[in-house]
Amino acid sequence: MTEAFFPEFFKSFFIAFGVLLGGSFLGAFSSFLMGQPALIEMDRLSKILRIWAIIAAIGGTFDTLYSFERGLLDGKTLDLFKQFLLILSALGGAQAGATIIEWLTQEHIS
């Protein structure tokens, strides 16, 4: 990690948030252009894109795995804790984006 922790923490949140919202909106727009129900597709895409938003936010899996290895095997628990917080931040960003899409589409209401 070459950057300070807190900017990285906030970037992780908003990258996951943006990937989820952007991917869902663009997918819904393409669905609209093809004559399909856009809101249903937006809700479906938000469920599918969650894991990809998290992976994009943490910068791929190899750096994270390396930090976990360094934290566990070399005794650098601070790096391990920081990576855990970055993953939680990405999870929070993806969940926030999915919640906004759920509010927008109201697909959860039967």
N, C-alpha and C. Protein backbone atom coordinates (compact mmCIF):
# COMPACT_ATOMS: atom_id res chain seq x y z
N MET A 1 0.83 -1.17 0.00
CA MET A 1 0.00 0.00 0.00
C MET A 1 0.87 1.24 0.00
N THR A 2 0.88 1.95 -1.09
CA THR A 2 1.70 3.15 -1.17
C THR A 2 0.92 4.39 -0.77
N GLU A 3 -0.39 4.33 -0.81
CA GLU A 3 -1.21 5.48 -0.49
C GLU A 3 -1.63 5.41 0.98
N ALA A 4 -1.98 6.56 1.54
CA ALA A 4 -2.45 6.60 2.92
C ALA A 4 -3.73 5.78 3.05
N PHE A 5 -4.02 5.34 4.24
CA PHE A 5 -5.11 4.40 4.44
C PHE A 5 -6.49 5.02 4.20
N PHE A 6 -6.77 6.19 4.78
CA PHE A 6 -8.12 6.74 4.69
C PHE A 6 -8.54 7.12 3.28
N PRO A 7 -7.67 7.71 2.45
CA PRO A 7 -8.10 7.90 1.05
C PRO A 7 -8.38 6.59 0.34
N GLU A 8 -7.59 5.58 0.63
CA GLU A 8 -7.81 4.26 0.03
C GLU A 8 -9.12 3.65 0.52
N PHE A 9 -9.43 3.87 1.78
CA PHE A 9 -10.67 3.37 2.39
C PHE A 9 -11.89 3.98 1.69
N PHE A 10 -11.87 5.30 1.49
CA PHE A 10 -13.00 5.96 0.84
C PHE A 10 -13.07 5.63 -0.65
N LYS A 11 -11.92 5.51 -1.29
CA LYS A 11 -11.92 5.12 -2.70
C LYS A 11 -12.50 3.72 -2.87
N SER A 12 -12.19 2.83 -1.96
CA SER A 12 -12.72 1.48 -2.04
C SER A 12 -14.24 1.48 -1.97
N PHE A 13 -14.79 2.28 -1.06
CA PHE A 13 -16.25 2.38 -0.93
C PHE A 13 -16.87 2.91 -2.22
N PHE A 14 -16.34 4.02 -2.72
CA PHE A 14 -16.99 4.68 -3.85
C PHE A 14 -16.71 3.98 -5.18
N ILE A 15 -15.64 3.24 -5.29
CA ILE A 15 -15.43 2.44 -6.51
C ILE A 15 -16.46 1.32 -6.58
N ALA A 16 -16.67 0.63 -5.49
CA ALA A 16 -17.69 -0.43 -5.47
C ALA A 16 -19.07 0.15 -5.72
N PHE A 17 -19.34 1.28 -5.10
CA PHE A 17 -20.62 1.97 -5.27
C PHE A 17 -20.84 2.35 -6.74
N GLY A 18 -19.82 2.93 -7.36
CA GLY A 18 -19.92 3.37 -8.74
C GLY A 18 -20.01 2.22 -9.74
N VAL A 19 -19.27 1.17 -9.49
CA VAL A 19 -19.33 0.01 -10.40
C VAL A 19 -20.73 -0.59 -10.37
N LEU A 20 -21.30 -0.70 -9.20
CA LEU A 20 -22.63 -1.30 -9.09
C LEU A 20 -23.69 -0.40 -9.71
N LEU A 21 -23.69 0.89 -9.38
CA LEU A 21 -24.69 1.79 -9.95
C LEU A 21 -24.51 1.96 -11.45
N GLY A 22 -23.28 2.19 -11.89
CA GLY A 22 -23.03 2.39 -13.31
C GLY A 22 -23.35 1.17 -14.15
N GLY A 23 -22.93 0.02 -13.68
CA GLY A 23 -23.22 -1.21 -14.42
C GLY A 23 -24.70 -1.51 -14.49
N SER A 24 -25.40 -1.27 -13.41
CA SER A 24 -26.84 -1.53 -13.39
C SER A 24 -27.60 -0.55 -14.27
N PHE A 25 -27.22 0.74 -14.20
CA PHE A 25 -27.90 1.74 -15.02
C PHE A 25 -27.65 1.52 -16.51
N LEU A 26 -26.40 1.23 -16.86
CA LEU A 26 -26.10 1.01 -18.28
C LEU A 26 -26.74 -0.28 -18.80
N GLY A 27 -26.77 -1.30 -17.96
CA GLY A 27 -27.44 -2.53 -18.36
C GLY A 27 -28.94 -2.34 -18.52
N ALA A 28 -29.54 -1.53 -17.64
CA ALA A 28 -30.97 -1.24 -17.75
C ALA A 28 -31.25 -0.41 -19.00
N PHE A 29 -30.35 0.51 -19.31
CA PHE A 29 -30.52 1.32 -20.52
C PHE A 29 -30.47 0.45 -21.77
N SER A 30 -29.53 -0.47 -21.82
CA SER A 30 -29.45 -1.36 -22.99
C SER A 30 -30.66 -2.27 -23.05
N SER A 31 -31.16 -2.68 -21.91
CA SER A 31 -32.37 -3.49 -21.88
C SER A 31 -33.56 -2.70 -22.40
N PHE A 32 -33.64 -1.42 -22.03
CA PHE A 32 -34.70 -0.54 -22.52
C PHE A 32 -34.63 -0.40 -24.03
N LEU A 33 -33.41 -0.24 -24.56
CA LEU A 33 -33.24 -0.10 -26.01
C LEU A 33 -33.67 -1.36 -26.76
N MET A 34 -33.57 -2.50 -26.11
CA MET A 34 -33.96 -3.77 -26.74
C MET A 34 -35.42 -4.13 -26.49
N GLY A 35 -36.15 -3.26 -25.78
CA GLY A 35 -37.57 -3.49 -25.56
C GLY A 35 -37.88 -4.40 -24.38
N GLN A 36 -36.91 -4.62 -23.51
CA GLN A 36 -37.10 -5.46 -22.33
C GLN A 36 -37.44 -4.58 -21.13
N PRO A 37 -37.99 -5.15 -20.06
CA PRO A 37 -38.28 -4.34 -18.86
C PRO A 37 -37.00 -3.89 -18.17
N ALA A 38 -36.78 -2.58 -18.15
CA ALA A 38 -35.52 -2.02 -17.68
C ALA A 38 -35.35 -2.15 -16.17
N LEU A 39 -36.40 -1.91 -15.40
CA LEU A 39 -36.27 -1.94 -13.95
C LEU A 39 -36.02 -3.35 -13.42
N ILE A 40 -36.64 -4.32 -14.04
CA ILE A 40 -36.39 -5.72 -13.64
C ILE A 40 -34.95 -6.10 -13.94
N GLU A 41 -34.46 -5.68 -15.09
CA GLU A 41 -33.08 -5.97 -15.47
C GLU A 41 -32.10 -5.24 -14.56
N MET A 42 -32.43 -4.02 -14.18
CA MET A 42 -31.57 -3.26 -13.28
C MET A 42 -31.44 -3.96 -11.93
N ASP A 43 -32.54 -4.46 -11.42
CA ASP A 43 -32.51 -5.18 -10.15
C ASP A 43 -31.71 -6.48 -10.27
N ARG A 44 -31.90 -7.19 -11.36
CA ARG A 44 -31.16 -8.43 -11.58
C ARG A 44 -29.66 -8.17 -11.70
N LEU A 45 -29.30 -7.14 -12.44
CA LEU A 45 -27.89 -6.81 -12.61
C LEU A 45 -27.24 -6.36 -11.30
N SER A 46 -27.98 -5.67 -10.46
CA SER A 46 -27.39 -5.23 -9.19
C SER A 46 -27.06 -6.42 -8.30
N LYS A 47 -27.82 -7.48 -8.41
CA LYS A 47 -27.52 -8.69 -7.64
C LYS A 47 -26.29 -9.42 -8.19
N ILE A 48 -26.17 -9.42 -9.52
CA ILE A 48 -25.05 -10.11 -10.17
C ILE A 48 -23.74 -9.34 -10.01
N LEU A 49 -23.79 -8.03 -10.08
CA LEU A 49 -22.58 -7.20 -10.10
C LEU A 49 -21.96 -6.96 -8.73
N ARG A 50 -22.59 -7.39 -7.66
CA ARG A 50 -22.05 -7.09 -6.32
C ARG A 50 -20.64 -7.63 -6.13
N ILE A 51 -20.41 -8.87 -6.46
CA ILE A 51 -19.09 -9.46 -6.23
C ILE A 51 -18.04 -8.79 -7.12
N TRP A 52 -18.43 -8.42 -8.35
CA TRP A 52 -17.49 -7.78 -9.27
C TRP A 52 -17.17 -6.37 -8.81
N ALA A 53 -18.12 -5.70 -8.22
CA ALA A 53 -17.86 -4.37 -7.67
C ALA A 53 -16.88 -4.44 -6.52
N ILE A 54 -17.01 -5.44 -5.68
CA ILE A 54 -16.10 -5.61 -4.55
C ILE A 54 -14.69 -5.92 -5.05
N ILE A 55 -14.58 -6.81 -6.02
CA ILE A 55 -13.27 -7.17 -6.56
C ILE A 55 -12.62 -5.97 -7.24
N ALA A 56 -13.40 -5.20 -7.98
CA ALA A 56 -12.84 -4.01 -8.62
C ALA A 56 -12.38 -2.99 -7.58
N ALA A 57 -13.11 -2.87 -6.49
CA ALA A 57 -12.77 -1.88 -5.47
C ALA A 57 -11.49 -2.22 -4.72
N ILE A 58 -11.26 -3.49 -4.47
CA ILE A 58 -10.05 -3.83 -3.72
C ILE A 58 -8.85 -4.02 -4.64
N GLY A 59 -9.04 -3.81 -5.93
CA GLY A 59 -7.91 -3.82 -6.86
C GLY A 59 -7.48 -5.21 -7.27
N GLY A 60 -8.36 -6.12 -7.36
CA GLY A 60 -8.01 -7.49 -7.72
C GLY A 60 -7.73 -8.31 -6.47
N THR A 61 -7.52 -9.58 -6.65
CA THR A 61 -7.39 -10.45 -5.49
C THR A 61 -5.95 -10.72 -5.09
N PHE A 62 -5.00 -10.56 -5.99
CA PHE A 62 -3.64 -10.95 -5.67
C PHE A 62 -2.99 -10.04 -4.64
N ASP A 63 -3.20 -8.74 -4.75
CA ASP A 63 -2.65 -7.82 -3.75
C ASP A 63 -3.24 -8.08 -2.38
N THR A 64 -4.53 -8.34 -2.36
CA THR A 64 -5.19 -8.61 -1.08
C THR A 64 -4.68 -9.91 -0.47
N LEU A 65 -4.54 -10.93 -1.30
CA LEU A 65 -4.02 -12.20 -0.78
C LEU A 65 -2.59 -12.06 -0.29
N TYR A 66 -1.79 -11.26 -1.00
CA TYR A 66 -0.42 -11.03 -0.56
C TYR A 66 -0.39 -10.31 0.79
N SER A 67 -1.28 -9.34 0.96
CA SER A 67 -1.34 -8.62 2.24
C SER A 67 -1.79 -9.54 3.36
N PHE A 68 -2.74 -10.42 3.06
CA PHE A 68 -3.17 -11.39 4.08
C PHE A 68 -2.03 -12.33 4.44
N GLU A 69 -1.29 -12.78 3.42
CA GLU A 69 -0.15 -13.67 3.68
C GLU A 69 0.90 -12.97 4.53
N ARG A 70 1.21 -11.74 4.18
CA ARG A 70 2.19 -10.98 4.94
C ARG A 70 1.71 -10.75 6.37
N GLY A 71 0.42 -10.53 6.54
CA GLY A 71 -0.13 -10.31 7.87
C GLY A 71 -0.10 -11.56 8.72
N LEU A 72 -0.39 -12.70 8.11
CA LEU A 72 -0.43 -13.94 8.87
C LEU A 72 0.94 -14.54 9.11
N LEU A 73 1.75 -14.61 8.07
CA LEU A 73 3.03 -15.31 8.17
C LEU A 73 4.16 -14.45 8.70
N ASP A 74 4.14 -13.17 8.37
CA ASP A 74 5.22 -12.29 8.82
C ASP A 74 4.87 -11.54 10.10
N GLY A 75 3.68 -11.74 10.59
CA GLY A 75 3.28 -11.10 11.85
C GLY A 75 2.93 -9.63 11.71
N LYS A 76 2.61 -9.18 10.51
CA LYS A 76 2.23 -7.78 10.31
C LYS A 76 0.71 -7.67 10.39
N THR A 77 0.22 -7.66 11.60
CA THR A 77 -1.23 -7.67 11.80
C THR A 77 -1.88 -6.35 11.41
N LEU A 78 -1.14 -5.27 11.40
CA LEU A 78 -1.72 -4.00 10.98
C LEU A 78 -2.11 -4.05 9.51
N ASP A 79 -1.26 -4.65 8.65
CA ASP A 79 -1.61 -4.81 7.24
C ASP A 79 -2.83 -5.71 7.07
N LEU A 80 -2.91 -6.73 7.87
CA LEU A 80 -4.06 -7.63 7.82
C LEU A 80 -5.33 -6.89 8.20
N PHE A 81 -5.27 -6.08 9.23
CA PHE A 81 -6.42 -5.32 9.69
C PHE A 81 -6.84 -4.28 8.65
N LYS A 82 -5.86 -3.63 8.03
CA LYS A 82 -6.17 -2.63 7.00
C LYS A 82 -6.86 -3.28 5.80
N GLN A 83 -6.37 -4.43 5.37
CA GLN A 83 -7.01 -5.12 4.25
C GLN A 83 -8.42 -5.55 4.60
N PHE A 84 -8.62 -5.99 5.81
CA PHE A 84 -9.96 -6.37 6.25
C PHE A 84 -10.89 -5.16 6.21
N LEU A 85 -10.42 -4.00 6.65
CA LEU A 85 -11.24 -2.79 6.61
C LEU A 85 -11.51 -2.33 5.17
N LEU A 86 -10.54 -2.50 4.29
CA LEU A 86 -10.77 -2.14 2.89
C LEU A 86 -11.83 -3.03 2.25
N ILE A 87 -11.80 -4.31 2.58
CA ILE A 87 -12.82 -5.22 2.06
C ILE A 87 -14.19 -4.87 2.63
N LEU A 88 -14.24 -4.53 3.91
CA LEU A 88 -15.51 -4.11 4.51
C LEU A 88 -16.03 -2.83 3.87
N SER A 89 -15.12 -1.92 3.54
CA SER A 89 -15.52 -0.69 2.87
C SER A 89 -16.11 -0.99 1.49
N ALA A 90 -15.48 -1.88 0.75
CA ALA A 90 -16.00 -2.27 -0.56
C ALA A 90 -17.35 -2.97 -0.43
N LEU A 91 -17.49 -3.81 0.57
CA LEU A 91 -18.78 -4.46 0.82
C LEU A 91 -19.85 -3.42 1.12
N GLY A 92 -19.49 -2.41 1.91
CA GLY A 92 -20.45 -1.36 2.23
C GLY A 92 -20.84 -0.55 1.01
N GLY A 93 -19.90 -0.26 0.14
CA GLY A 93 -20.21 0.47 -1.09
C GLY A 93 -21.12 -0.32 -2.01
N ALA A 94 -20.86 -1.60 -2.15
CA ALA A 94 -21.71 -2.44 -2.99
C ALA A 94 -23.12 -2.56 -2.39
N GLN A 95 -23.18 -2.69 -1.08
CA GLN A 95 -24.49 -2.79 -0.42
C GLN A 95 -25.26 -1.48 -0.53
N ALA A 96 -24.58 -0.36 -0.40
CA ALA A 96 -25.24 0.94 -0.53
C ALA A 96 -25.80 1.13 -1.94
N GLY A 97 -25.01 0.75 -2.94
CA GLY A 97 -25.50 0.84 -4.32
C GLY A 97 -26.67 -0.08 -4.57
N ALA A 98 -26.61 -1.29 -4.04
CA ALA A 98 -27.72 -2.23 -4.22
C ALA A 98 -28.98 -1.75 -3.51
N THR A 99 -28.81 -1.11 -2.36
CA THR A 99 -29.96 -0.58 -1.64
C THR A 99 -30.62 0.56 -2.40
N ILE A 100 -29.81 1.43 -3.00
CA ILE A 100 -30.37 2.52 -3.80
C ILE A 100 -31.13 1.97 -5.00
N ILE A 101 -30.58 0.96 -5.64
CA ILE A 101 -31.27 0.36 -6.79
C ILE A 101 -32.54 -0.35 -6.33
N GLU A 102 -32.50 -0.97 -5.18
CA GLU A 102 -33.70 -1.61 -4.65
C GLU A 102 -34.79 -0.58 -4.35
N TRP A 103 -34.40 0.56 -3.80
CA TRP A 103 -35.36 1.65 -3.57
C TRP A 103 -35.92 2.17 -4.88
N LEU A 104 -35.05 2.29 -5.87
CA LEU A 104 -35.45 2.85 -7.16
C LEU A 104 -36.39 1.92 -7.90
N THR A 105 -36.08 0.65 -7.93
CA THR A 105 -36.88 -0.29 -8.72
C THR A 105 -38.06 -0.84 -7.95
N GLN A 106 -37.97 -0.92 -6.66
CA GLN A 106 -38.99 -1.48 -5.77
C GLN A 106 -39.41 -2.90 -6.20
N GLU A 107 -38.42 -3.67 -6.64
CA GLU A 107 -38.67 -5.04 -7.05
C GLU A 107 -38.88 -5.97 -5.86
N HIS A 108 -38.45 -5.56 -4.68
CA HIS A 108 -38.60 -6.40 -3.50
C HIS A 108 -40.02 -6.37 -2.96
N ILE A 109 -40.84 -5.44 -3.42
CA ILE A 109 -42.23 -5.32 -2.96
C ILE A 109 -43.09 -6.23 -3.82
N SER A 110 -43.83 -7.11 -3.20
CA SER A 110 -44.69 -8.02 -3.96
C SER A 110 -46.12 -7.61 -3.88
